[in-house]
């Protein structure tokens, strides 16, 4: 049987499938390296829109490719398969579990804090390079067997959130989005820190701070309602945890942590 390929890469296995595309484990035959490849579905209304999308996809991937940090999955390459015209992004392959899978089993408090601190530091680095992720959530975080948290999908998330919302399908996850992102406003790194605050809340309590049956119900809560204090849901937490979460989840960006380093420092003190 002929090997299935994408560009020069040999597909070994499918790792996951989402609204945006499919993720494969693959091999780069040129240097015999195992990689992860994410294909991107292009569903523009016109050829012109599709071209614009592709141009932006390559630009975003190039920007993400400049990021080199232990807490960020490295982008190696980007391309378009000649035969199928499928655009793809090639990344470091990380053996591990997503934070989403781990959180469903429950994560011990010290580990939850350590992973969140690592993520805050990785975001601090990316934001200092002028790159905002836009879709920080447990499914986009891989934890290695050594307990190292790595953020994936830099360079892809921006396209996800902005591109396909007109189909009535919000692909960025509204439960994790900041009020300014849901409102279509201008966002910066503090929006990612809000999403990290949502993630921390879930790790500490097992519940989402903003939940609802519909996108509009969730959006309303994110914009106007304060979440239940985490200490009411987990008796092991002291009021300092409520302070950190309140600051991370402030409705106004000005009231949040200014950067990931500040957030990480407070997590260190808990």
Protein backbone atom coordinates (compact mmCIF):
# COMPACT_ATOMS: atom_id res chain seq x y z
CA UNK A 1 0.00 0.00 0.00
CA UNK A 2 1.34 3.40 -0.92
CA UNK A 3 2.16 5.65 2.03
CA UNK A 4 -0.23 8.55 2.55
CA UNK A 5 1.65 11.84 2.42
CA UNK A 6 1.14 15.57 2.90
CA UNK A 7 3.88 17.42 1.07
CA UNK A 8 7.04 15.49 1.90
CA UNK A 9 5.63 14.18 5.19
CA UNK A 10 4.54 10.56 5.61
CA UNK A 11 1.31 10.16 7.60
CA UNK A 12 1.59 7.57 10.39
CA UNK A 13 -1.67 7.97 12.34
CA UNK A 14 -4.64 10.27 12.93
CA UNK A 15 -4.42 11.89 16.37
CA UNK A 16 -7.60 13.95 16.40
CA UNK A 17 -10.22 15.70 14.33
CA UNK A 18 -11.92 19.01 14.93
CA UNK A 19 -14.00 21.66 13.19
CA UNK A 20 -10.83 23.34 11.90
CA UNK A 21 -9.08 20.28 10.50
CA UNK A 22 -7.37 17.00 11.34
CA UNK A 23 -4.21 16.36 13.33
CA UNK A 24 -1.85 13.55 12.29
CA UNK A 25 1.29 12.01 13.60
CA UNK A 26 3.74 11.96 10.69
CA UNK A 27 7.38 11.48 9.77
CA UNK A 28 9.68 13.96 8.11
CA UNK A 29 11.75 11.62 5.90
CA UNK A 30 14.37 14.28 5.27
CA UNK A 31 15.62 14.21 8.85
CA UNK A 32 13.72 11.14 10.09
CA UNK A 33 11.82 13.14 12.71
CA UNK A 34 8.36 12.44 14.11
CA UNK A 35 6.13 15.50 13.79
CA UNK A 36 2.50 16.50 14.28
CA UNK A 37 0.67 17.93 11.27
CA UNK A 38 -2.57 19.87 11.40
CA UNK A 39 -4.51 20.24 8.16
CA UNK A 40 -6.75 23.27 7.79
CA UNK A 41 -10.17 23.19 6.16
CA UNK A 42 -10.61 26.20 3.89
CA UNK A 43 -14.26 27.00 3.44
CA UNK A 44 -14.35 30.44 1.94
CA UNK A 45 -17.41 31.65 0.09
CA UNK A 46 -15.33 32.56 -2.94
CA UNK A 47 -11.94 31.80 -4.48
CA UNK A 48 -10.83 35.30 -3.50
CA UNK A 49 -11.81 34.74 0.14
CA UNK A 50 -10.03 31.40 0.18
CA UNK A 51 -6.86 32.99 -1.17
CA UNK A 52 -7.04 35.74 1.46
CA UNK A 53 -7.52 33.09 4.16
CA UNK A 54 -4.51 31.09 2.92
CA UNK A 55 -2.30 34.19 2.78
CA UNK A 56 -3.25 34.98 6.36
CA UNK A 57 -2.75 31.37 7.43
CA UNK A 58 0.83 31.41 6.08
CA UNK A 59 1.54 34.80 7.70
CA UNK A 60 0.23 33.63 11.10
CA UNK A 61 2.21 30.38 10.90
CA UNK A 62 5.39 32.30 10.05
CA UNK A 63 4.89 34.54 13.08
CA UNK A 64 4.24 31.52 15.31
CA UNK A 65 7.34 29.83 13.87
CA UNK A 66 9.50 32.51 15.50
CA UNK A 67 8.40 31.43 18.99
CA UNK A 68 10.98 29.26 20.79
CA UNK A 69 10.02 28.44 24.38
CA UNK A 70 9.77 25.20 26.39
CA UNK A 71 6.11 25.97 27.13
CA UNK A 72 5.10 26.36 23.46
CA UNK A 73 4.80 23.62 20.84
CA UNK A 74 7.30 24.61 18.13
CA UNK A 75 6.08 25.27 14.58
CA UNK A 76 8.53 23.72 12.09
CA UNK A 77 6.95 24.25 8.70
CA UNK A 78 3.86 25.30 6.81
CA UNK A 79 2.76 24.29 3.34
CA UNK A 80 0.08 23.30 0.90
CA UNK A 81 -0.13 19.75 -0.42
CA UNK A 82 0.24 19.88 -4.22
CA UNK A 83 -2.13 17.03 -5.00
CA UNK A 84 -5.02 17.87 -2.66
CA UNK A 85 -4.38 21.63 -2.24
CA UNK A 86 -4.73 21.07 1.53
CA UNK A 87 -2.92 23.68 3.65
CA UNK A 88 -1.11 22.28 6.68
CA UNK A 89 1.08 23.32 9.59
CA UNK A 90 3.89 21.08 10.87
CA UNK A 91 4.66 21.11 14.59
CA UNK A 92 6.77 19.43 17.21
CA UNK A 93 5.21 16.08 18.17
CA UNK A 94 4.58 15.89 21.92
CA UNK A 95 3.74 12.59 23.60
CA UNK A 96 1.40 13.38 26.47
CA UNK A 97 -2.19 14.05 27.44
CA UNK A 98 -4.24 17.20 26.89
CA UNK A 99 -5.03 19.22 29.99
CA UNK A 100 -8.69 18.63 29.10
CA UNK A 101 -8.30 14.84 29.41
CA UNK A 102 -6.34 15.24 32.65
CA UNK A 103 -8.83 17.66 34.20
CA UNK A 104 -11.68 15.19 33.65
CA UNK A 105 -9.86 12.74 35.94
CA UNK A 106 -9.03 15.48 38.44
CA UNK A 107 -5.67 17.17 39.04
CA UNK A 108 -4.02 17.58 42.45
CA UNK A 109 -3.86 21.18 43.68
CA UNK A 110 -0.03 21.58 43.57
CA UNK A 111 0.06 20.28 39.99
CA UNK A 112 -2.83 22.54 38.90
CA UNK A 113 -0.91 25.56 40.24
CA UNK A 114 2.41 24.47 38.73
CA UNK A 115 0.92 23.88 35.27
CA UNK A 116 -0.94 27.22 35.31
CA UNK A 117 2.25 29.02 36.39
CA UNK A 118 4.17 27.40 33.49
CA UNK A 119 1.42 28.49 31.08
CA UNK A 120 1.43 32.07 32.41
CA UNK A 121 5.21 32.24 31.81
CA UNK A 122 4.89 30.81 28.28
CA UNK A 123 2.17 33.37 27.47
CA UNK A 124 4.34 36.15 28.91
CA UNK A 125 7.04 35.16 26.41
CA UNK A 126 4.65 35.01 23.42
CA UNK A 127 2.98 38.32 24.32
CA UNK A 128 6.41 39.98 24.60
CA UNK A 129 6.94 38.93 20.95
CA UNK A 130 3.62 40.59 20.07
CA UNK A 131 1.75 37.31 19.54
CA UNK A 132 -1.65 36.65 21.16
CA UNK A 133 -2.98 33.09 21.08
CA UNK A 134 -6.76 33.81 21.22
CA UNK A 135 -7.94 30.30 22.04
CA UNK A 136 -6.33 29.24 25.33
CA UNK A 137 -8.29 26.29 26.72
CA UNK A 138 -7.44 22.86 28.21
CA UNK A 139 -7.82 21.11 24.82
CA UNK A 140 -5.00 23.30 23.40
CA UNK A 141 -2.56 22.41 26.17
CA UNK A 142 -0.50 19.21 26.16
CA UNK A 143 1.15 17.98 29.35
CA UNK A 144 4.18 15.73 28.96
CA UNK A 145 4.87 12.72 31.19
CA UNK A 146 7.45 14.89 32.99
CA UNK A 147 4.76 17.41 33.94
CA UNK A 148 5.70 20.10 31.39
CA UNK A 149 2.77 22.12 30.01
CA UNK A 150 2.96 23.09 26.33
CA UNK A 151 0.59 25.37 24.43
CA UNK A 152 -0.34 24.20 20.96
CA UNK A 153 -2.11 25.91 18.05
CA UNK A 154 -0.25 29.22 18.06
CA UNK A 155 -0.76 30.57 14.56
CA UNK A 156 -3.98 28.65 14.01
CA UNK A 157 -6.28 29.97 16.71
CA UNK A 158 -6.63 33.48 15.31
CA UNK A 159 -7.95 32.07 12.05
CA UNK A 160 -10.35 29.78 13.86
CA UNK A 161 -11.94 32.49 15.91
CA UNK A 162 -12.21 35.26 13.37
CA UNK A 163 -12.77 33.35 10.18
CA UNK A 164 -15.68 31.02 10.57
CA UNK A 165 -17.98 32.75 13.02
CA UNK A 166 -20.23 33.96 10.22
CA UNK A 167 -21.58 30.43 9.73
CA UNK A 168 -23.26 30.84 13.10
CA UNK A 169 -20.71 28.47 14.57
CA UNK A 170 -18.41 30.09 17.12
CA UNK A 171 -15.34 27.90 16.86
CA UNK A 172 -13.36 29.74 19.47
CA UNK A 173 -14.78 28.40 22.71
CA UNK A 174 -17.09 31.06 24.22
CA UNK A 175 -16.76 29.69 27.80
CA UNK A 176 -13.06 30.60 27.70
CA UNK A 177 -13.21 33.90 25.80
CA UNK A 178 -12.74 37.31 27.39
CA UNK A 179 -15.59 39.84 27.28
CA UNK A 180 -13.69 41.99 24.75
CA UNK A 181 -13.06 39.00 22.48
CA UNK A 182 -16.71 37.92 22.56
CA UNK A 183 -17.71 41.51 21.87
CA UNK A 184 -15.48 41.66 18.80
CA UNK A 185 -13.29 44.32 20.42
CA UNK A 186 -9.55 44.88 20.18
CA UNK A 187 -7.65 42.30 22.19
CA UNK A 188 -4.16 41.93 23.59
CA UNK A 189 -2.33 39.47 25.84
CA UNK A 190 -4.67 40.16 28.76
CA UNK A 191 -7.41 38.35 26.83
CA UNK A 192 -5.28 35.17 26.88
CA UNK A 193 -4.72 35.65 30.62
CA UNK A 194 -8.51 35.77 31.10
CA UNK A 195 -8.77 32.44 29.25
CA UNK A 196 -6.00 31.04 31.46
CA UNK A 197 -7.99 32.25 34.49
CA UNK A 198 -11.01 30.27 33.24
CA UNK A 199 -8.76 27.23 32.83
CA UNK A 200 -7.38 27.60 36.38
CA UNK A 201 -10.92 27.95 37.79
CA UNK A 202 -11.89 24.65 36.14
CA UNK A 203 -8.77 22.89 37.44
CA UNK A 204 -9.48 24.11 40.99
CA UNK A 205 -13.25 23.55 41.12
CA UNK A 206 -14.18 21.04 38.40
CA UNK A 207 -16.74 23.57 37.11
CA UNK A 208 -16.73 26.27 34.42
CA UNK A 209 -17.01 29.83 35.77
CA UNK A 210 -19.36 30.74 32.89
CA UNK A 211 -21.62 27.97 31.67
CA UNK A 212 -24.88 27.94 29.76
CA UNK A 213 -26.97 25.97 27.30
CA UNK A 214 -26.44 28.40 24.44
CA UNK A 215 -23.69 30.67 23.12
CA UNK A 216 -25.77 33.74 23.97
CA UNK A 217 -26.34 32.56 27.56
CA UNK A 218 -22.60 32.01 28.05
CA UNK A 219 -21.76 35.33 26.39
CA UNK A 220 -24.13 37.16 28.75
CA UNK A 221 -22.50 35.58 31.82
CA UNK A 222 -18.96 36.33 30.62
CA UNK A 223 -19.89 39.97 30.04
CA UNK A 224 -22.09 40.67 33.07
CA UNK A 225 -21.97 38.01 35.78
CA UNK A 226 -19.36 37.25 38.41
CA UNK A 227 -18.58 33.55 38.81
CA UNK A 228 -19.25 31.72 42.08
CA UNK A 229 -16.14 32.16 44.27
CA UNK A 230 -13.93 29.08 43.90
CA UNK A 231 -13.70 28.73 47.70
CA UNK A 232 -17.44 27.94 47.77
CA UNK A 233 -16.88 25.00 45.41
CA UNK A 234 -13.63 23.65 46.87
CA UNK A 235 -13.20 23.79 50.66
CA UNK A 236 -9.44 23.17 50.35
CA UNK A 237 -8.94 26.68 48.90
CA UNK A 238 -8.24 29.80 50.96
CA UNK A 239 -9.41 33.36 50.08
CA UNK A 240 -6.12 34.08 48.26
CA UNK A 241 -7.31 31.80 45.46
CA UNK A 242 -10.46 33.90 45.07
CA UNK A 243 -8.29 37.03 44.82
CA UNK A 244 -6.11 35.55 42.04
CA UNK A 245 -9.13 34.30 40.08
CA UNK A 246 -11.03 37.55 40.54
CA UNK A 247 -8.10 39.45 39.13
CA UNK A 248 -7.54 37.06 36.21
CA UNK A 249 -11.27 37.06 35.38
CA UNK A 250 -11.90 40.81 35.73
CA UNK A 251 -14.39 42.02 33.09
CA UNK A 252 -12.18 45.01 32.25
CA UNK A 253 -8.75 44.21 30.82
CA UNK A 254 -7.25 47.13 32.81
CA UNK A 255 -8.17 45.37 36.08
CA UNK A 256 -6.51 42.06 35.16
CA UNK A 257 -2.89 40.99 35.51
CA UNK A 258 -0.86 43.19 33.20
CA UNK A 259 1.21 40.27 31.99
CA UNK A 260 1.87 36.57 32.44
CA UNK A 261 4.84 37.17 34.75
CA UNK A 262 2.60 39.00 37.27
CA UNK A 263 0.05 36.18 37.11
CA UNK A 264 2.81 33.56 37.56
CA UNK A 265 4.24 35.43 40.59
CA UNK A 266 0.88 35.38 42.39
CA UNK A 267 0.44 31.67 41.61
CA UNK A 268 3.88 31.07 43.12
CA UNK A 269 2.70 32.73 46.35
CA UNK A 270 -0.43 30.61 46.76
